[in-house]
Amino acid sequence: MEHIADRLVKSIKDKKSPIVIGLDPVYENLPTCIKSKYSQDIDGAAQAFLEFGNAIIDAVCDIVPAIKPQSAFYELLGYRGVKAMEKSVAYAKSKGLIIIDDSKRGDIGNTSKAYAEAHIGSFAIDGKCIREADSEFMTVSPFLGLDGVQPFVEAAKRNNKGAFVLVRTSNPASALVQSALTEAGKTVSAELAEYVAEEASKNLGIMGYSSIGAVVGATYPAEAKAFREVMRQSFFLVPGYGAQGATAKDIVPFFNPDGLGALINASRSVIYAYKNTCSDDCSTDELKDVTRAAAEVMHDDIYGELRNSFKNLVY
């Protein structure tokens, strides 16, 4: 079976695209052309989420290697929303996309193990598997301690899946926890980076990258340079580009000299681009066209910067 990190690298190289689009459906932000088709109740909202998500997938599937559904937005609708997310994930996989489940789970003991199996593992009865998680990667919160992260790392290795551990997030208030000093005199983020690097080295694909990676916010490029020195074999999942203010120049330090090692995420600036260019009652086709155009602008911006910055770019 192909190592998931190798599959990710190949997709990035084939599409010349180290970007990922987030699926963050907010009902109030969906275009009227979708909302008006369905009843104004919980069932209708779930149907609208599904159609919107699939429209975004149609628009970007040949531009990006992965999508990142944010489960919280779907969970607002209860089991109906979760079902809508599952259907959009299945649709994305049918288009050849890699799925990053942005659920940011984290706990300890059996609870942590259950979260891991739910999102990147499986469930069996009497030794017979009756459910396999659809996502290839998930995001993991480490702030209950590394004993809470380990079950996710182990599930990722066992199932040929991946995990992105929160190391330095893009929100300003993150410094209260992530920049705090440990007993060893290092920041929490630095300790987490060392942990990720160690675990990554134990699970490498033939292309030299691991399925154990880190979330590092694009709003901290100076710290990213130091993290890259530590976590050379890990992919960084990088939020903060676009709506949060980071530019293509800001994200260069997140990459290795080969132009690999980072996935730059955008959500609102792409999936709600229609708000800036067409009316709220635009057609679904117009929604797809505008979304695609926004994704292409992002792609050209980032890829162009990488070509200028790395002489040894491999794609």
C-alpha atoms as a PDB file:
ATOM      1  CA  MET A   1       0.000   0.000   0.000  1.00  0.00           C
ATOM      2  CA  GLU A   2       1.308   3.452  -0.889  1.00  0.00           C
ATOM      3  CA  HIS A   3       2.388   5.462   2.141  1.00  0.00           C
ATOM      4  CA  ILE A   4      -0.036   8.342   2.692  1.00  0.00           C
ATOM      5  CA  ALA A   5       2.804  10.888   2.817  1.00  0.00           C
ATOM      6  CA  ASP A   6       4.030   9.672  -0.583  1.00  0.00           C
ATOM      7  CA  ARG A   7       0.525  10.016  -1.975  1.00  0.00           C
ATOM      8  CA  LEU A   8       0.363  13.582  -0.674  1.00  0.00           C
ATOM      9  CA  VAL A   9       3.738  14.462  -2.187  1.00  0.00           C
ATOM     10  CA  LYS A  10       2.748  12.991  -5.554  1.00  0.00           C
ATOM     11  CA  SER A  11      -0.518  14.919  -5.608  1.00  0.00           C
ATOM     12  CA  ILE A  12       1.239  18.183  -4.775  1.00  0.00           C
ATOM     13  CA  LYS A  13       3.788  17.592  -7.534  1.00  0.00           C
ATOM     14  CA  ASP A  14       1.200  16.496 -10.100  1.00  0.00           C
ATOM     15  CA  LYS A  15      -0.975  19.564  -9.511  1.00  0.00           C
ATOM     16  CA  LYS A  16       1.958  21.905  -8.760  1.00  0.00           C
ATOM     17  CA  SER A  17      -0.109  22.949  -5.803  1.00  0.00           C
ATOM     18  CA  PRO A  18       0.751  22.940  -2.075  1.00  0.00           C
ATOM     19  CA  ILE A  19      -2.620  24.345  -1.047  1.00  0.00           C
ATOM     20  CA  VAL A  20      -5.675  23.040   0.747  1.00  0.00           C
ATOM     21  CA  ILE A  21      -9.168  24.513   0.815  1.00  0.00           C
ATOM     22  CA  GLY A  22     -11.203  24.412   4.004  1.00  0.00           C
ATOM     23  CA  LEU A  23     -14.884  23.532   4.020  1.00  0.00           C
ATOM     24  CA  ASP A  24     -16.349  25.830   6.691  1.00  0.00           C
ATOM     25  CA  PRO A  25     -20.063  26.093   5.877  1.00  0.00           C
ATOM     26  CA  VAL A  26     -21.887  28.868   7.735  1.00  0.00           C
ATOM     27  CA  TYR A  27     -25.578  28.900   6.879  1.00  0.00           C
ATOM     28  CA  GLU A  28     -25.893  32.699   6.831  1.00  0.00           C
ATOM     29  CA  ASN A  29     -23.017  32.919   4.361  1.00  0.00           C
ATOM     30  CA  LEU A  30     -24.362  30.442   1.829  1.00  0.00           C
ATOM     31  CA  PRO A  31     -25.693  31.946  -1.396  1.00  0.00           C
ATOM     32  CA  THR A  32     -29.436  32.246  -1.824  1.00  0.00           C
ATOM     33  CA  CYS A  33     -29.294  30.082  -4.932  1.00  0.00           C
ATOM     34  CA  ILE A  34     -28.538  27.123  -2.647  1.00  0.00           C
ATOM     35  CA  LYS A  35     -30.519  27.989   0.492  1.00  0.00           C
ATOM     36  CA  SER A  36     -33.702  28.750  -1.435  1.00  0.00           C
ATOM     37  CA  LYS A  37     -33.885  25.184  -2.781  1.00  0.00           C
ATOM     38  CA  TYR A  38     -34.481  23.668   0.628  1.00  0.00           C
ATOM     39  CA  SER A  39     -36.791  23.974   3.604  1.00  0.00           C
ATOM     40  CA  GLN A  40     -35.835  26.465   6.283  1.00  0.00           C
ATOM     41  CA  ASP A  41     -35.299  23.833   8.957  1.00  0.00           C
ATOM     42  CA  ILE A  42     -32.562  21.522  10.159  1.00  0.00           C
ATOM     43  CA  ASP A  43     -33.032  19.065   7.302  1.00  0.00           C
ATOM     44  CA  GLY A  44     -32.929  21.828   4.734  1.00  0.00           C
ATOM     45  CA  ALA A  45     -29.816  23.344   6.283  1.00  0.00           C
ATOM     46  CA  ALA A  46     -28.025  19.982   6.087  1.00  0.00           C
ATOM     47  CA  GLN A  47     -28.995  19.619   2.425  1.00  0.00           C
ATOM     48  CA  ALA A  48     -27.705  23.139   1.762  1.00  0.00           C
ATOM     49  CA  PHE A  49     -24.400  22.326   3.468  1.00  0.00           C
ATOM     50  CA  LEU A  50     -24.048  19.240   1.310  1.00  0.00           C
ATOM     51  CA  GLU A  51     -24.742  21.033  -1.964  1.00  0.00           C
ATOM     52  CA  PHE A  52     -22.455  23.933  -1.033  1.00  0.00           C
ATOM     53  CA  GLY A  53     -19.621  21.605  -0.039  1.00  0.00           C
ATOM     54  CA  ASN A  54     -19.930  19.596  -3.228  1.00  0.00           C
ATOM     55  CA  ALA A  55     -19.959  22.769  -5.312  1.00  0.00           C
ATOM     56  CA  ILE A  56     -16.697  23.876  -3.700  1.00  0.00           C
ATOM     57  CA  ILE A  57     -15.207  20.435  -4.348  1.00  0.00           C
ATOM     58  CA  ASP A  58     -16.241  20.603  -8.015  1.00  0.00           C
ATOM     59  CA  ALA A  59     -14.610  23.998  -8.316  1.00  0.00           C
ATOM     60  CA  VAL A  60     -11.207  23.124  -6.841  1.00  0.00           C
ATOM     61  CA  CYS A  61     -10.711  19.362  -7.216  1.00  0.00           C
ATOM     62  CA  ASP A  62      -8.207  19.629 -10.062  1.00  0.00           C
ATOM     63  CA  ILE A  63      -6.350  22.569  -8.485  1.00  0.00           C
ATOM     64  CA  VAL A  64      -5.665  21.331  -4.949  1.00  0.00           C
ATOM     65  CA  PRO A  65      -4.440  18.024  -3.505  1.00  0.00           C
ATOM     66  CA  ALA A  66      -6.641  18.133  -0.398  1.00  0.00           C
ATOM     67  CA  ILE A  67      -9.667  19.624   1.297  1.00  0.00           C
ATOM     68  CA  LYS A  68     -10.087  20.286   5.005  1.00  0.00           C
ATOM     69  CA  PRO A  69     -13.642  20.000   6.336  1.00  0.00           C
ATOM     70  CA  GLN A  70     -14.048  21.716   9.708  1.00  0.00           C
ATOM     71  CA  SER A  71     -16.294  19.340  11.612  1.00  0.00           C
ATOM     72  CA  ALA A  72     -17.582  21.934  14.096  1.00  0.00           C
ATOM     73  CA  PHE A  73     -19.681  23.681  11.463  1.00  0.00           C
ATOM     74  CA  TYR A  74     -21.316  20.413  10.465  1.00  0.00           C
ATOM     75  CA  GLU A  75     -21.813  19.301  14.062  1.00  0.00           C
ATOM     76  CA  LEU A  76     -23.976  22.375  14.642  1.00  0.00           C
ATOM     77  CA  LEU A  77     -26.682  20.487  12.751  1.00  0.00           C
ATOM     78  CA  GLY A  78     -26.346  17.315  14.812  1.00  0.00           C
ATOM     79  CA  TYR A  79     -26.355  13.954  13.088  1.00  0.00           C
ATOM     80  CA  ARG A  80     -27.789  15.496   9.913  1.00  0.00           C
ATOM     81  CA  GLY A  81     -24.788  17.784   9.603  1.00  0.00           C
ATOM     82  CA  VAL A  82     -22.358  14.956  10.293  1.00  0.00           C
ATOM     83  CA  LYS A  83     -24.060  12.942   7.554  1.00  0.00           C
ATOM     84  CA  ALA A  84     -23.738  15.877   5.155  1.00  0.00           C
ATOM     85  CA  MET A  85     -20.025  16.087   5.939  1.00  0.00           C
ATOM     86  CA  GLU A  86     -19.612  12.338   5.403  1.00  0.00           C
ATOM     87  CA  LYS A  87     -21.291  12.609   2.012  1.00  0.00           C
ATOM     88  CA  SER A  88     -19.116  15.545   0.937  1.00  0.00           C
ATOM     89  CA  VAL A  89     -16.013  13.681   2.112  1.00  0.00           C
ATOM     90  CA  ALA A  90     -17.053  10.659   0.042  1.00  0.00           C
ATOM     91  CA  TYR A  91     -17.647  12.936  -2.944  1.00  0.00           C
ATOM     92  CA  ALA A  92     -14.235  14.556  -2.527  1.00  0.00           C
ATOM     93  CA  LYS A  93     -12.560  11.155  -2.348  1.00  0.00           C
ATOM     94  CA  SER A  94     -14.308  10.156  -5.572  1.00  0.00           C
ATOM     95  CA  LYS A  95     -12.547  13.158  -7.134  1.00  0.00           C
ATOM     96  CA  GLY A  96      -9.177  11.923  -5.905  1.00  0.00           C
ATOM     97  CA  LEU A  97      -8.772  14.447  -3.086  1.00  0.00           C
ATOM     98  CA  ILE A  98      -7.038  13.779   0.228  1.00  0.00           C
ATOM     99  CA  ILE A  99      -9.151  14.564   3.289  1.00  0.00           C
ATOM    100  CA  ILE A 100      -7.862  16.442   6.339  1.00  0.00           C
ATOM    101  CA  ASP A 101     -10.421  16.153   9.139  1.00  0.00           C
ATOM    102  CA  ASP A 102     -10.024  19.422  11.045  1.00  0.00           C
ATOM    103  CA  SER A 103     -11.634  18.274  14.291  1.00  0.00           C
ATOM    104  CA  LYS A 104      -8.753  19.173  16.656  1.00  0.00           C
ATOM    105  CA  ARG A 105      -9.472  16.295  19.010  1.00  0.00           C
ATOM    106  CA  GLY A 106      -7.427  15.686  22.131  1.00  0.00           C
ATOM    107  CA  ASP A 107      -7.940  13.794  25.361  1.00  0.00           C
ATOM    108  CA  ILE A 108      -6.269  11.033  27.371  1.00  0.00           C
ATOM    109  CA  GLY A 109      -6.508   7.278  27.788  1.00  0.00           C
ATOM    110  CA  ASN A 110      -9.337   5.351  26.180  1.00  0.00           C
ATOM    111  CA  THR A 111     -11.092   8.570  25.166  1.00  0.00           C
ATOM    112  CA  SER A 112      -8.099   9.629  23.110  1.00  0.00           C
ATOM    113  CA  LYS A 113      -7.937   6.169  21.534  1.00  0.00           C
ATOM    114  CA  ALA A 114     -11.636   6.354  20.666  1.00  0.00           C
ATOM    115  CA  TYR A 115     -11.237   9.769  19.027  1.00  0.00           C
ATOM    116  CA  ALA A 116      -8.288   8.464  17.024  1.00  0.00           C
ATOM    117  CA  GLU A 117     -10.131   5.406  15.754  1.00  0.00           C
ATOM    118  CA  ALA A 118     -13.247   7.472  15.002  1.00  0.00           C
ATOM    119  CA  HIS A 119     -11.398   9.905  12.764  1.00  0.00           C
ATOM    120  CA  ILE A 120      -8.498   7.977  11.219  1.00  0.00           C
ATOM    121  CA  GLY A 121      -9.110   4.401  12.282  1.00  0.00           C
ATOM    122  CA  SER A 122     -11.873   1.827  12.348  1.00  0.00           C
ATOM    123  CA  PHE A 123     -14.446   0.084  14.518  1.00  0.00           C
ATOM    124  CA  ALA A 124     -14.823  -3.675  14.776  1.00  0.00           C
ATOM    125  CA  ILE A 125     -17.222  -6.125  16.404  1.00  0.00           C
ATOM    126  CA  ASP A 126     -15.905  -9.609  17.168  1.00  0.00           C
ATOM    127  CA  GLY A 127     -12.866  -8.868  15.034  1.00  0.00           C
ATOM    128  CA  LYS A 128     -14.905  -7.827  12.012  1.00  0.00           C
ATOM    129  CA  CYS A 129     -14.460  -4.246  10.819  1.00  0.00           C
ATOM    130  CA  ILE A 130     -17.823  -2.570  10.353  1.00  0.00           C
ATOM    131  CA  ARG A 131     -16.639   1.025   9.852  1.00  0.00           C
ATOM    132  CA  GLU A 132     -13.497   2.647   8.496  1.00  0.00           C
ATOM    133  CA  ALA A 133     -12.861   6.372   8.838  1.00  0.00           C
ATOM    134  CA  ASP A 134     -12.789   8.179   5.502  1.00  0.00           C
ATOM    135  CA  SER A 135     -10.227  10.874   6.328  1.00  0.00           C
ATOM    136  CA  GLU A 136      -6.533  10.462   5.579  1.00  0.00           C
ATOM    137  CA  PHE A 137      -5.383  13.058   8.128  1.00  0.00           C
ATOM    138  CA  MET A 138      -6.756  14.751  11.216  1.00  0.00           C
ATOM    139  CA  THR A 139      -5.735  17.654  13.441  1.00  0.00           C
ATOM    140  CA  VAL A 140      -4.856  16.880  17.061  1.00  0.00           C
ATOM    141  CA  SER A 141      -4.736  19.114  20.136  1.00  0.00           C
ATOM    142  CA  PRO A 142      -1.779  18.221  22.411  1.00  0.00           C
ATOM    143  CA  PHE A 143      -2.552  20.471  25.357  1.00  0.00           C
ATOM    144  CA  LEU A 144      -3.631  17.730  27.752  1.00  0.00           C
ATOM    145  CA  GLY A 145      -0.146  16.273  27.374  1.00  0.00           C
ATOM    146  CA  LEU A 146       1.794  14.022  25.030  1.00  0.00           C
ATOM    147  CA  ASP A 147       0.179  10.916  26.511  1.00  0.00           C
ATOM    148  CA  GLY A 148      -2.999  12.202  24.906  1.00  0.00           C
ATOM    149  CA  VAL A 149      -1.324  12.648  21.515  1.00  0.00           C
ATOM    150  CA  GLN A 150       0.323   9.244  21.331  1.00  0.00           C
ATOM    151  CA  PRO A 151      -2.888   7.275  20.579  1.00  0.00           C
ATOM    152  CA  PHE A 152      -3.438   9.468  17.498  1.00  0.00           C
ATOM    153  CA  VAL A 153       0.138   8.946  16.333  1.00  0.00           C
ATOM    154  CA  GLU A 154      -0.170   5.202  16.825  1.00  0.00           C
ATOM    155  CA  ALA A 155      -3.520   5.073  15.002  1.00  0.00           C
ATOM    156  CA  ALA A 156      -2.028   7.038  12.124  1.00  0.00           C
ATOM    157  CA  LYS A 157       0.879   4.626  11.764  1.00  0.00           C
ATOM    158  CA  ARG A 158      -1.296   1.541  12.138  1.00  0.00           C
ATOM    159  CA  ASN A 159      -3.863   2.633   9.565  1.00  0.00           C
ATOM    160  CA  ASN A 160      -1.575   4.384   7.048  1.00  0.00           C
ATOM    161  CA  LYS A 161      -3.156   7.693   7.976  1.00  0.00           C
ATOM    162  CA  GLY A 162      -1.721  10.958   9.286  1.00  0.00           C
ATOM    163  CA  ALA A 163      -1.982  13.475  12.104  1.00  0.00           C
ATOM    164  CA  PHE A 164      -1.206  17.189  12.314  1.00  0.00           C
ATOM    165  CA  VAL A 165      -0.355  18.147  15.887  1.00  0.00           C
ATOM    166  CA  LEU A 166      -1.105  21.732  16.908  1.00  0.00           C
ATOM    167  CA  VAL A 167       2.321  23.280  17.523  1.00  0.00           C
ATOM    168  CA  ARG A 168       1.888  27.023  16.888  1.00  0.00           C
ATOM    169  CA  THR A 169      -1.571  28.176  15.902  1.00  0.00           C
ATOM    170  CA  SER A 170      -2.365  31.384  14.047  1.00  0.00           C
ATOM    171  CA  ASN A 171      -4.586  33.067  16.664  1.00  0.00           C
ATOM    172  CA  PRO A 172      -2.895  35.851  18.697  1.00  0.00           C
ATOM    173  CA  ALA A 173      -4.012  34.494  22.086  1.00  0.00           C
ATOM    174  CA  SER A 174      -2.211  31.210  21.451  1.00  0.00           C
ATOM    175  CA  ALA A 175       0.978  32.662  22.947  1.00  0.00           C
ATOM    176  CA  LEU A 176      -0.468  32.383  26.460  1.00  0.00           C
ATOM    177  CA  VAL A 177      -0.070  28.604  26.276  1.00  0.00           C
ATOM    178  CA  GLN A 178       2.175  27.885  23.315  1.00  0.00           C
ATOM    179  CA  SER A 179       4.906  30.400  24.207  1.00  0.00           C
ATOM    180  CA  ALA A 180       4.956  29.496  27.904  1.00  0.00           C
ATOM    181  CA  LEU A 181       8.242  28.078  29.162  1.00  0.00           C
ATOM    182  CA  THR A 182       8.520  24.494  30.349  1.00  0.00           C
ATOM    183  CA  GLU A 183      10.759  23.240  33.144  1.00  0.00           C
ATOM    184  CA  ALA A 184      13.422  22.596  30.516  1.00  0.00           C
ATOM    185  CA  GLY A 185      13.452  26.303  29.639  1.00  0.00           C
ATOM    186  CA  LYS A 186      11.887  25.752  26.202  1.00  0.00           C
ATOM    187  CA  THR A 187       8.552  27.005  24.947  1.00  0.00           C
ATOM    188  CA  VAL A 188       5.661  24.572  24.823  1.00  0.00           C
ATOM    189  CA  SER A 189       5.708  24.911  21.027  1.00  0.00           C
ATOM    190  CA  ALA A 190       9.405  24.031  20.879  1.00  0.00           C
ATOM    191  CA  GLU A 191       8.839  20.930  23.011  1.00  0.00           C
ATOM    192  CA  LEU A 192       5.963  19.886  20.773  1.00  0.00           C
ATOM    193  CA  ALA A 193       8.079  20.425  17.655  1.00  0.00           C
ATOM    194  CA  GLU A 194      10.740  18.080  19.032  1.00  0.00           C
ATOM    195  CA  TYR A 195       8.095  15.462  19.804  1.00  0.00           C
ATOM    196  CA  VAL A 196       6.642  15.707  16.290  1.00  0.00           C
ATOM    197  CA  ALA A 197      10.115  15.422  14.742  1.00  0.00           C
ATOM    198  CA  GLU A 198      10.898  12.293  16.752  1.00  0.00           C
ATOM    199  CA  GLU A 199       7.625  10.582  15.873  1.00  0.00           C
ATOM    200  CA  ALA A 200       7.879  11.658  12.238  1.00  0.00           C
ATOM    201  CA  SER A 201      11.261   9.995  11.883  1.00  0.00           C
ATOM    202  CA  LYS A 202       9.683   6.644  12.782  1.00  0.00           C
ATOM    203  CA  ASN A 203       7.153   6.713   9.949  1.00  0.00           C
ATOM    204  CA  LEU A 204       8.648   7.892   6.663  1.00  0.00           C
ATOM    205  CA  GLY A 205       7.528   7.275   3.125  1.00  0.00           C
ATOM    206  CA  ILE A 206       9.993   6.555   0.345  1.00  0.00           C
ATOM    207  CA  MET A 207       9.990  10.239  -0.605  1.00  0.00           C
ATOM    208  CA  GLY A 208      11.365  11.208   2.784  1.00  0.00           C
ATOM    209  CA  TYR A 209       8.291  12.731   4.354  1.00  0.00           C
ATOM    210  CA  SER A 210       6.232  11.523   7.282  1.00  0.00           C
ATOM    211  CA  SER A 211       2.511  11.322   7.940  1.00  0.00           C
ATOM    212  CA  ILE A 212       3.089  12.921  11.361  1.00  0.00           C
ATOM    213  CA  GLY A 213       3.042  16.676  10.906  1.00  0.00           C
ATOM    214  CA  ALA A 214       2.354  19.960  12.643  1.00  0.00           C
ATOM    215  CA  VAL A 215      -0.088  22.841  12.492  1.00  0.00           C
ATOM    216  CA  VAL A 216       1.968  26.048  12.337  1.00  0.00           C
ATOM    217  CA  GLY A 217       0.193  29.341  11.707  1.00  0.00           C
ATOM    218  CA  ALA A 218       1.198  31.494   8.743  1.00  0.00           C
ATOM    219  CA  THR A 219       1.121  34.561  10.995  1.00  0.00           C
ATOM    220  CA  TYR A 220       4.390  33.455  12.653  1.00  0.00           C
ATOM    221  CA  PRO A 221       6.947  33.124   9.820  1.00  0.00           C
ATOM    222  CA  ALA A 222       9.968  33.804  12.056  1.00  0.00           C
ATOM    223  CA  GLU A 223       9.066  30.919  14.351  1.00  0.00           C
ATOM    224  CA  ALA A 224       8.258  28.748  11.347  1.00  0.00           C
ATOM    225  CA  LYS A 225      11.859  29.014  10.162  1.00  0.00           C
ATOM    226  CA  ALA A 226      13.075  27.586  13.466  1.00  0.00           C
ATOM    227  CA  PHE A 227      10.402  24.884  13.454  1.00  0.00           C
ATOM    228  CA  ARG A 228      11.379  23.857   9.936  1.00  0.00           C
ATOM    229  CA  GLU A 229      14.945  23.268  11.111  1.00  0.00           C
ATOM    230  CA  VAL A 230      13.600  20.848  13.729  1.00  0.00           C
ATOM    231  CA  MET A 231      10.799  19.176  11.764  1.00  0.00           C
ATOM    232  CA  ARG A 232      12.442  18.681   8.368  1.00  0.00           C
ATOM    233  CA  GLN A 233      10.579  15.435   7.590  1.00  0.00           C
ATOM    234  CA  SER A 234       7.122  16.682   8.560  1.00  0.00           C
ATOM    235  CA  PHE A 235       4.449  18.446   6.615  1.00  0.00           C
ATOM    236  CA  PHE A 236       3.177  21.678   8.112  1.00  0.00           C
ATOM    237  CA  LEU A 237      -0.525  22.449   7.834  1.00  0.00           C
ATOM    238  CA  VAL A 238      -0.512  26.238   7.643  1.00  0.00           C
ATOM    239  CA  PRO A 239      -3.630  28.295   8.445  1.00  0.00           C
ATOM    240  CA  GLY A 240      -3.652  32.079   8.300  1.00  0.00           C
ATOM    241  CA  TYR A 241      -3.162  32.821   4.596  1.00  0.00           C
ATOM    242  CA  GLY A 242      -5.740  35.139   3.059  1.00  0.00           C
ATOM    243  CA  ALA A 243      -8.498  36.177   5.435  1.00  0.00           C
ATOM    244  CA  GLN A 244      -6.143  36.210   8.443  1.00  0.00           C
ATOM    245  CA  GLY A 245      -3.623  38.421   6.676  1.00  0.00           C
ATOM    246  CA  ALA A 246      -0.615  36.256   5.797  1.00  0.00           C
ATOM    247  CA  THR A 247       0.830  36.636   2.283  1.00  0.00           C
ATOM    248  CA  ALA A 248       2.725  34.336  -0.076  1.00  0.00           C
ATOM    249  CA  LYS A 249       6.028  35.866   1.059  1.00  0.00           C
ATOM    250  CA  ASP A 250       5.131  35.076   4.664  1.00  0.00           C
ATOM    251  CA  ILE A 251       4.743  31.365   3.986  1.00  0.00           C
ATOM    252  CA  VAL A 252       8.100  30.718   2.285  1.00  0.00           C
ATOM    253  CA  PRO A 253       9.856  29.755   5.589  1.00  0.00           C
ATOM    254  CA  PHE A 254       7.356  26.955   6.099  1.00  0.00           C
ATOM    255  CA  PHE A 255       8.767  24.977   3.159  1.00  0.00           C
ATOM    256  CA  ASN A 256      11.874  22.885   2.711  1.00  0.00           C
ATOM    257  CA  PRO A 257      14.312  23.866  -0.090  1.00  0.00           C
ATOM    258  CA  ASP A 258      12.589  21.402  -2.437  1.00  0.00           C
ATOM    259  CA  GLY A 259       9.365  23.421  -2.137  1.00  0.00           C
ATOM    260  CA  LEU A 260       7.647  20.592  -0.277  1.00  0.00           C
ATOM    261  CA  GLY A 261       6.748  20.160   3.373  1.00  0.00           C
ATOM    262  CA  ALA A 262       3.856  22.574   3.758  1.00  0.00           C
ATOM    263  CA  LEU A 263       0.165  22.753   2.927  1.00  0.00           C
ATOM    264  CA  ILE A 264      -1.182  26.294   2.900  1.00  0.00           C
ATOM    265  CA  ASN A 265      -4.826  26.502   3.896  1.00  0.00           C
ATOM    266  CA  ALA A 266      -7.464  29.021   2.893  1.00  0.00           C
ATOM    267  CA  SER A 267     -11.141  28.808   3.701  1.00  0.00           C
ATOM    268  CA  ARG A 268     -13.217  31.982   3.828  1.00  0.00           C
ATOM    269  CA  SER A 269     -11.196  33.876   1.219  1.00  0.00           C
ATOM    270  CA  VAL A 270     -11.955  31.152  -1.329  1.00  0.00           C
ATOM    271  CA  ILE A 271     -15.269  29.529  -0.452  1.00  0.00           C
ATOM    272  CA  TYR A 272     -17.025  32.870   0.098  1.00  0.00           C
ATOM    273  CA  ALA A 273     -15.272  34.738  -2.715  1.00  0.00           C
ATOM    274  CA  TYR A 274     -18.631  35.021  -4.468  1.00  0.00           C
ATOM    275  CA  LYS A 275     -19.595  37.743  -1.973  1.00  0.00           C
ATOM    276  CA  ASN A 276     -17.017  40.059  -3.520  1.00  0.00           C
ATOM    277  CA  THR A 277     -17.759  39.492  -7.179  1.00  0.00           C
ATOM    278  CA  CYS A 278     -21.397  38.553  -7.743  1.00  0.00           C
ATOM    279  CA  SER A 279     -24.810  38.944  -6.145  1.00  0.00           C
ATOM    280  CA  ASP A 280     -26.151  36.780  -3.327  1.00  0.00           C
ATOM    281  CA  ASP A 281     -28.595  35.146  -5.736  1.00  0.00           C
ATOM    282  CA  CYS A 282     -25.874  33.994  -8.115  1.00  0.00           C
ATOM    283  CA  SER A 283     -26.329  30.637  -9.783  1.00  0.00           C
ATOM    284  CA  THR A 284     -24.531  27.511  -8.623  1.00  0.00           C
ATOM    285  CA  ASP A 285     -22.430  27.613 -11.787  1.00  0.00           C
ATOM    286  CA  GLU A 286     -21.426  31.203 -11.015  1.00  0.00           C
ATOM    287  CA  LEU A 287     -20.523  30.139  -7.468  1.00  0.00           C
ATOM    288  CA  LYS A 288     -18.249  27.427  -8.841  1.00  0.00           C
ATOM    289  CA  ASP A 289     -16.637  29.783 -11.355  1.00  0.00           C
ATOM    290  CA  VAL A 290     -15.876  32.446  -8.751  1.00  0.00           C
ATOM    291  CA  THR A 291     -14.586  29.877  -6.261  1.00  0.00           C
ATOM    292  CA  ARG A 292     -12.325  28.350  -8.870  1.00  0.00           C
ATOM    293  CA  ALA A 293     -10.995  31.759  -9.853  1.00  0.00           C
ATOM    294  CA  ALA A 294     -10.175  32.554  -6.211  1.00  0.00           C
ATOM    295  CA  ALA A 295      -8.391  29.218  -5.798  1.00  0.00           C
ATOM    296  CA  GLU A 296      -6.410  29.863  -8.980  1.00  0.00           C
ATOM    297  CA  VAL A 297      -5.335  33.281  -7.719  1.00  0.00           C
ATOM    298  CA  MET A 298      -4.167  31.682  -4.467  1.00  0.00           C
ATOM    299  CA  HIS A 299      -2.351  28.942  -6.378  1.00  0.00           C
ATOM    300  CA  ASP A 300      -0.592  31.342  -8.716  1.00  0.00           C
ATOM    301  CA  ASP A 301       0.382  33.628  -5.835  1.00  0.00           C
ATOM    302  CA  ILE A 302       1.937  30.856  -3.744  1.00  0.00           C
ATOM    303  CA  TYR A 303       3.448  28.795  -6.545  1.00  0.00           C
ATOM    304  CA  GLY A 304       4.940  31.888  -8.110  1.00  0.00           C
ATOM    305  CA  GLU A 305       6.572  32.834  -4.813  1.00  0.00           C
ATOM    306  CA  LEU A 306       7.961  29.325  -4.386  1.00  0.00           C
ATOM    307  CA  ARG A 307       9.477  29.379  -7.878  1.00  0.00           C
ATOM    308  CA  ASN A 308      11.145  32.678  -7.082  1.00  0.00           C
ATOM    309  CA  SER A 309      12.413  31.492  -3.705  1.00  0.00           C
ATOM    310  CA  PHE A 310      13.620  27.927  -4.315  1.00  0.00           C
ATOM    311  CA  LYS A 311      16.082  27.038  -7.038  1.00  0.00           C
ATOM    312  CA  ASN A 312      15.660  23.357  -6.206  1.00  0.00           C
ATOM    313  CA  LEU A 313      11.863  23.312  -6.434  1.00  0.00           C
ATOM    314  CA  VAL A 314      10.908  19.773  -7.453  1.00  0.00           C
ATOM    315  CA  TYR A 315       7.605  20.584  -9.178  1.00  0.00           C
END
